[in-house]
Protein backbone atom coordinates (compact mmCIF):
# COMPACT_ATOMS: atom_id res chain seq x y z
CA GLU A 1 123.47 78.16 101.43
CA GLU A 2 120.75 80.61 102.38
CA LYS A 3 118.15 81.42 99.76
CA ASP A 4 116.05 84.47 99.07
CA ILE A 5 112.68 84.60 100.80
CA ILE A 6 109.97 84.50 98.15
CA HIS A 7 106.30 85.13 98.94
CA ILE A 8 103.47 84.83 96.45
CA PHE A 9 100.19 86.56 97.30
CA ASN A 10 97.39 85.16 95.14
CA PRO A 11 93.87 86.06 96.34
CA HIS A 12 92.21 83.09 94.64
CA SER A 13 94.61 80.24 95.20
CA TYR A 14 96.47 78.80 98.15
CA ASP A 15 98.04 76.08 96.00
CA SER A 16 100.40 78.05 93.80
CA GLY A 17 102.94 75.24 93.36
CA PRO A 18 103.83 75.92 89.70
CA LEU A 19 103.93 79.67 90.32
CA VAL A 20 106.15 79.31 93.40
CA GLN A 21 108.50 76.99 91.50
CA GLN A 22 108.63 79.35 88.49
CA ALA A 23 109.20 82.37 90.76
CA GLY A 24 112.21 80.62 92.30
CA ILE A 25 113.67 79.88 88.86
CA ALA A 26 112.96 83.44 87.67
CA VAL A 27 114.61 84.95 90.75
CA GLY A 28 117.69 82.83 90.09
CA ALA A 29 117.82 84.01 86.47
CA ALA A 30 117.39 87.64 87.59
CA ARG A 31 120.20 87.32 90.11
CA SER A 32 122.45 85.83 87.41
CA TYR A 33 121.67 88.84 85.22
CA LEU A 34 122.52 91.23 88.04
CA ARG A 35 125.75 89.36 88.85
CA GLU A 36 126.88 89.32 85.20
CA HIS A 37 125.94 92.93 84.41
CA TYR A 38 126.51 94.68 87.74
CA GLY A 39 128.70 92.39 89.84
CA LEU A 40 126.01 91.78 92.46
CA PRO A 41 127.45 89.28 94.96
CA LEU A 42 125.66 85.98 95.42
CA ASP A 43 125.87 86.06 99.22
CA LYS A 44 123.28 88.84 99.61
CA ARG A 45 119.76 87.65 100.35
CA TYR A 46 116.48 89.41 99.66
CA ARG A 47 112.81 89.11 100.54
CA LEU A 48 110.73 89.26 97.37
CA ASP A 49 106.95 89.64 97.55
CA PHE A 50 105.01 88.98 94.36
CA ARG A 51 101.36 89.99 94.27
CA VAL A 52 98.94 88.54 91.78
CA LEU A 53 96.07 90.92 91.05
CA PRO A 54 92.57 89.52 91.70
CA VAL A 55 91.54 90.09 88.08
CA THR A 56 94.36 87.86 86.79
CA SER A 57 94.75 85.45 89.70
CA HIS A 58 93.34 82.56 87.65
CA LEU A 59 96.07 83.08 85.01
CA THR A 60 98.97 81.83 87.09
CA GLY A 61 101.60 79.19 86.67
CA ASN A 62 104.89 79.24 84.85
CA SER A 63 103.65 81.98 82.48
CA LEU A 64 104.44 84.58 85.14
CA GLY A 65 108.16 83.79 84.97
CA ILE A 66 109.17 86.80 82.86
CA ALA A 67 107.25 89.16 85.14
CA CYS A 68 108.89 87.64 88.24
CA ALA A 69 112.38 87.90 86.72
CA VAL A 70 112.01 91.49 85.53
CA GLY A 71 110.33 92.47 88.81
CA THR A 72 113.20 90.94 90.77
CA VAL A 73 115.82 92.85 88.76
CA ILE A 74 113.96 96.14 89.26
CA ALA A 75 113.34 95.50 92.99
CA ILE A 76 116.96 94.61 93.74
CA ALA A 77 118.21 97.52 91.61
CA ARG A 78 116.16 99.88 93.80
CA ARG A 79 117.84 98.54 96.96
CA GLU A 80 121.40 98.35 95.71
CA THR A 81 123.73 101.01 94.40
CA LEU A 82 124.26 100.01 90.78
CA ARG A 83 125.98 102.02 88.07
CA ASP A 84 122.60 102.31 86.29
CA SER A 85 119.15 103.25 87.48
CA LEU A 86 116.68 100.65 86.17
CA GLU A 87 113.01 101.49 85.82
CA LEU A 88 110.13 99.54 84.35
CA GLN A 89 107.87 101.06 81.71
CA PRO A 90 104.48 101.61 83.39
CA SER A 91 102.37 100.15 80.57
CA VAL A 92 104.00 96.76 80.00
CA ALA A 93 102.68 93.23 80.39
CA PHE A 94 104.66 89.99 80.38
CA THR A 95 103.89 86.37 79.71
CA GLY A 96 106.25 83.45 79.44
CA ALA A 97 108.18 80.93 81.46
CA VAL A 98 111.85 81.37 82.40
CA GLY A 99 114.42 78.58 82.37
CA ALA A 100 117.18 78.33 84.96
CA ASP A 101 119.64 79.66 82.36
CA GLY A 102 117.49 82.78 81.73
CA SER A 103 116.02 81.45 78.49
CA LEU A 104 112.36 82.21 77.76
CA GLU A 105 110.25 79.11 77.34
CA PRO A 106 106.88 78.65 75.63
CA ILE A 107 103.59 78.59 77.49
CA ASP A 108 100.17 77.32 76.44
CA GLY A 109 98.55 79.15 73.53
CA GLU A 110 95.22 79.75 75.27
CA GLY A 111 96.93 81.48 78.20
CA LEU A 112 98.89 83.61 75.74
CA ARG A 113 95.70 84.75 73.98
CA LEU A 114 93.95 85.52 77.27
CA LYS A 115 96.86 87.64 78.50
CA ILE A 116 97.08 89.51 75.20
CA GLU A 117 93.35 90.24 75.41
CA ARG A 118 93.76 91.53 78.97
CA ALA A 119 96.74 93.74 78.00
CA HIS A 120 94.86 95.15 74.99
CA HIS A 121 91.71 95.74 77.05
CA ASN A 122 93.76 97.63 79.65
CA ARG A 123 95.33 99.72 76.88
CA LEU A 124 98.88 98.71 77.70
CA ASN A 125 101.55 99.69 75.17
CA TYR A 126 103.85 96.65 75.23
CA MET A 127 103.62 92.92 75.79
CA ALA A 128 106.82 90.86 76.16
CA VAL A 129 106.57 87.21 75.10
CA PRO A 130 108.97 84.39 74.30
CA ARG A 131 110.11 84.76 70.67
CA ALA A 132 108.60 81.35 69.84
CA HIS A 133 105.15 82.90 70.42
CA LEU A 134 105.55 85.94 68.15
CA PRO A 135 103.50 84.64 65.19
CA GLU A 136 100.47 83.71 67.31
CA ALA A 137 100.86 86.87 69.43
CA TYR A 138 100.87 89.07 66.31
CA GLU A 139 97.78 87.28 65.01
CA ALA A 140 95.94 87.72 68.32
CA VAL A 141 96.80 91.44 68.36
CA ARG A 142 95.67 91.90 64.74
CA GLU A 143 92.35 90.22 65.55
CA LEU A 144 91.83 92.46 68.59
CA GLU A 145 92.67 95.56 66.54
CA ARG A 146 90.06 94.50 63.94
CA GLN A 147 87.44 93.97 66.66
CA LYS A 148 88.34 97.05 68.72
CA PRO A 149 90.25 99.59 66.62
CA GLY A 150 91.94 102.59 68.16
CA HIS A 151 94.64 100.99 70.26
CA THR A 152 97.84 99.19 69.30
CA LEU A 153 99.54 96.70 71.58
CA ASN A 154 103.18 96.30 70.56
CA VAL A 155 104.46 92.76 71.03
CA VAL A 156 108.13 92.31 71.85
CA GLY A 157 109.68 88.85 71.52
CA ALA A 158 112.91 87.69 73.09
CA ASP A 159 114.85 84.50 73.72
CA THR A 160 116.31 85.45 77.12
CA ILE A 161 115.67 87.65 80.13
CA ASP A 162 118.87 89.52 79.22
CA ALA A 163 117.37 90.44 75.83
CA ILE A 164 114.23 91.86 77.45
CA LEU A 165 116.16 93.86 80.03
CA ASP A 166 118.80 95.11 77.59
CA ALA A 167 116.38 96.09 74.79
CA GLY A 168 115.55 99.45 76.37
CA ILE A 169 111.88 99.18 75.39
CA ILE A 170 110.62 97.46 78.52
CA CYS A 171 113.11 98.86 81.02
CA HIS A 172 114.66 102.30 81.00
CA VAL A 173 118.28 102.49 82.00
CA GLY A 174 119.66 105.76 83.28
CA PHE A 175 123.12 106.43 84.62
CA VAL A 176 123.46 107.18 88.30
CA HIS A 177 125.28 110.46 88.88
């Protein structure tokens, strides 16, 4: 069975073992979502290039799973003719690992806090995290808002990739005419 071609471009690391492994799992979960919701056949293969920005290249590992899964769904949706047009909100950040079944898995608390700080600093509107992290994510956001008032980062928690994609907050769905 042929597999998708997955490339990870990380400017600070040549050894991205955990990230490469998580990207493969996330791509599989994304393809399952597309098959279940849009009937995408499993025999099609894609080349998926993930780029890690230099400013966040030290924050890699399995915590990029949600971003890889959502990015895969959006990228494939742009290439295929689906009944919906899927688009990603421009001011969204993600953190969390993805299981092979599409479930969102916890990550380390320090990485969570660092990514929330980065999202708040960059004035993003939404941050998607595994539901298990909501209490600590809310606390980190409240602390940032006390330190630097004037911007609110909305934290969205979910248990699965499906829940993130179907919520309508992170991804816009429009009908193709």
